[in-house]
Amino acid sequence: MIGKIISHYKILEKLGEGGMGVVYKGHDTRFQRTVAIKVLKPEAIGDPAAKERFIREAKAANALSGWDKMRCPFQMNNQLFFSSK
């Protein structure tokens, strides 16, 4: 994933990994800022329960952080992810 671009986010480095996702440091090319990007693991993308947990996590984080810091989860090229400032 390092060096890849997902939407307008460039993946810079891996920061950590959990049960269902991987967190990367990224660069938001649209707003020229550093962000954290959480990507659902490829093996979990086909699991509806994992996908729902991931979306719930993104929504909960967004409610706590506010609209200016979190972005809603979205899917691109069979990858589900969200970003935070």
C-alpha atoms as a PDB file:
ATOM      1  CA  MET A   1       0.000   0.000   0.000  1.00  0.00           C
ATOM      2  CA  ILE A   2       2.899   2.386   0.630  1.00  0.00           C
ATOM      3  CA  GLY A   3       3.091   4.878  -2.241  1.00  0.00           C
ATOM      4  CA  LYS A   4      -0.392   4.068  -3.552  1.00  0.00           C
ATOM      5  CA  ILE A   5      -3.064   6.694  -3.990  1.00  0.00           C
ATOM      6  CA  ILE A   6      -6.622   6.031  -2.800  1.00  0.00           C
ATOM      7  CA  SER A   7      -8.937   8.767  -4.010  1.00  0.00           C
ATOM      8  CA  HIS A   8      -6.949  11.909  -3.152  1.00  0.00           C
ATOM      9  CA  TYR A   9      -4.915  10.340  -0.322  1.00  0.00           C
ATOM     10  CA  LYS A  10      -1.340   9.200  -0.861  1.00  0.00           C
ATOM     11  CA  ILE A  11      -0.254   6.395   1.482  1.00  0.00           C
ATOM     12  CA  LEU A  12       3.072   7.311   3.106  1.00  0.00           C
ATOM     13  CA  GLU A  13       3.747   4.715   5.821  1.00  0.00           C
ATOM     14  CA  LYS A  14       2.113   2.053   7.959  1.00  0.00           C
ATOM     15  CA  LEU A  15       1.376   3.183  11.516  1.00  0.00           C
ATOM     16  CA  GLY A  16      -0.362   0.155  12.997  1.00  0.00           C
ATOM     17  CA  GLU A  17      -2.670  -2.781  12.543  1.00  0.00           C
ATOM     18  CA  GLY A  18      -5.654  -4.129  14.433  1.00  0.00           C
ATOM     19  CA  GLY A  19      -8.125  -6.946  14.138  1.00  0.00           C
ATOM     20  CA  MET A  20      -9.977  -5.642  11.109  1.00  0.00           C
ATOM     21  CA  GLY A  21      -7.993  -2.703   9.788  1.00  0.00           C
ATOM     22  CA  VAL A  22      -4.623  -1.173   9.040  1.00  0.00           C
ATOM     23  CA  VAL A  23      -3.806   2.458   9.841  1.00  0.00           C
ATOM     24  CA  TYR A  24      -1.513   4.440   7.558  1.00  0.00           C
ATOM     25  CA  LYS A  25      -0.030   7.903   7.610  1.00  0.00           C
ATOM     26  CA  GLY A  26      -1.164   9.648   4.463  1.00  0.00           C
ATOM     27  CA  HIS A  27      -1.119  12.914   2.606  1.00  0.00           C
ATOM     28  CA  ASP A  28      -4.369  14.569   1.572  1.00  0.00           C
ATOM     29  CA  THR A  29      -3.453  15.976  -1.839  1.00  0.00           C
ATOM     30  CA  ARG A  30      -6.644  18.020  -2.009  1.00  0.00           C
ATOM     31  CA  PHE A  31      -6.071  20.014   1.194  1.00  0.00           C
ATOM     32  CA  GLN A  32      -2.288  19.552   1.530  1.00  0.00           C
ATOM     33  CA  ARG A  33      -2.328  18.038   5.005  1.00  0.00           C
ATOM     34  CA  THR A  34      -1.214  14.929   6.845  1.00  0.00           C
ATOM     35  CA  VAL A  35      -3.953  12.457   7.734  1.00  0.00           C
ATOM     36  CA  ALA A  36      -4.405   9.029   9.253  1.00  0.00           C
ATOM     37  CA  ILE A  37      -6.139   6.565   6.957  1.00  0.00           C
ATOM     38  CA  LYS A  38      -7.737   3.382   8.245  1.00  0.00           C
ATOM     39  CA  VAL A  39      -8.298   0.688   5.631  1.00  0.00           C
ATOM     40  CA  LEU A  40     -10.386  -2.421   6.171  1.00  0.00           C
ATOM     41  CA  LYS A  41      -8.185  -5.504   5.725  1.00  0.00           C
ATOM     42  CA  PRO A  42      -8.704  -7.246   2.364  1.00  0.00           C
ATOM     43  CA  GLU A  43      -9.719 -10.512   4.038  1.00  0.00           C
ATOM     44  CA  ALA A  44     -12.521  -8.678   5.894  1.00  0.00           C
ATOM     45  CA  ILE A  45     -14.007  -6.817   2.923  1.00  0.00           C
ATOM     46  CA  GLY A  46     -16.256  -9.770   2.070  1.00  0.00           C
ATOM     47  CA  ASP A  47     -17.501 -10.136   5.654  1.00  0.00           C
ATOM     48  CA  PRO A  48     -20.711  -8.102   6.075  1.00  0.00           C
ATOM     49  CA  ALA A  49     -20.357  -8.052   9.889  1.00  0.00           C
ATOM     50  CA  ALA A  50     -16.768  -6.726   9.713  1.00  0.00           C
ATOM     51  CA  LYS A  51     -17.800  -4.137   7.152  1.00  0.00           C
ATOM     52  CA  GLU A  52     -20.671  -2.976   9.386  1.00  0.00           C
ATOM     53  CA  ARG A  53     -18.360  -2.738  12.454  1.00  0.00           C
ATOM     54  CA  PHE A  54     -15.887  -0.713  10.413  1.00  0.00           C
ATOM     55  CA  ILE A  55     -18.603   1.710   9.289  1.00  0.00           C
ATOM     56  CA  ARG A  56     -19.927   2.007  12.865  1.00  0.00           C
ATOM     57  CA  GLU A  57     -16.404   2.790  14.080  1.00  0.00           C
ATOM     58  CA  ALA A  58     -16.010   5.522  11.463  1.00  0.00           C
ATOM     59  CA  LYS A  59     -19.377   7.045  12.375  1.00  0.00           C
ATOM     60  CA  ALA A  60     -18.589   6.944  16.110  1.00  0.00           C
ATOM     61  CA  ALA A  61     -15.182   8.539  15.569  1.00  0.00           C
ATOM     62  CA  ASN A  62     -16.799  11.202  13.410  1.00  0.00           C
ATOM     63  CA  ALA A  63     -19.367  11.988  16.119  1.00  0.00           C
ATOM     64  CA  LEU A  64     -16.592  12.422  18.688  1.00  0.00           C
ATOM     65  CA  SER A  65     -14.176  14.351  16.502  1.00  0.00           C
ATOM     66  CA  GLY A  66     -16.472  16.556  14.463  1.00  0.00           C
ATOM     67  CA  TRP A  67     -16.914  16.934  10.736  1.00  0.00           C
ATOM     68  CA  ASP A  68     -13.674  18.857  10.233  1.00  0.00           C
ATOM     69  CA  LYS A  69     -11.471  16.042  11.515  1.00  0.00           C
ATOM     70  CA  MET A  70     -13.078  12.818  10.263  1.00  0.00           C
ATOM     71  CA  ARG A  71     -14.302  11.772   6.862  1.00  0.00           C
ATOM     72  CA  CYS A  72     -17.141   9.323   6.361  1.00  0.00           C
ATOM     73  CA  PRO A  73     -16.178   5.827   5.285  1.00  0.00           C
ATOM     74  CA  PHE A  74     -16.207   5.154   1.592  1.00  0.00           C
ATOM     75  CA  GLN A  75     -15.264   2.381  -0.790  1.00  0.00           C
ATOM     76  CA  MET A  76     -12.998   2.637  -3.786  1.00  0.00           C
ATOM     77  CA  ASN A  77     -11.446  -0.159  -5.836  1.00  0.00           C
ATOM     78  CA  ASN A  78     -12.872  -2.762  -3.445  1.00  0.00           C
ATOM     79  CA  GLN A  79     -11.244  -1.059  -0.423  1.00  0.00           C
ATOM     80  CA  LEU A  80     -13.244   0.408   2.432  1.00  0.00           C
ATOM     81  CA  PHE A  81     -11.542   3.244   4.283  1.00  0.00           C
ATOM     82  CA  PHE A  82     -11.890   6.488   6.184  1.00  0.00           C
ATOM     83  CA  SER A  83      -9.477   9.257   7.032  1.00  0.00           C
ATOM     84  CA  SER A  84      -8.914  11.588   9.940  1.00  0.00           C
ATOM     85  CA  LYS A  85      -6.977  14.785  10.373  1.00  0.00           C
END
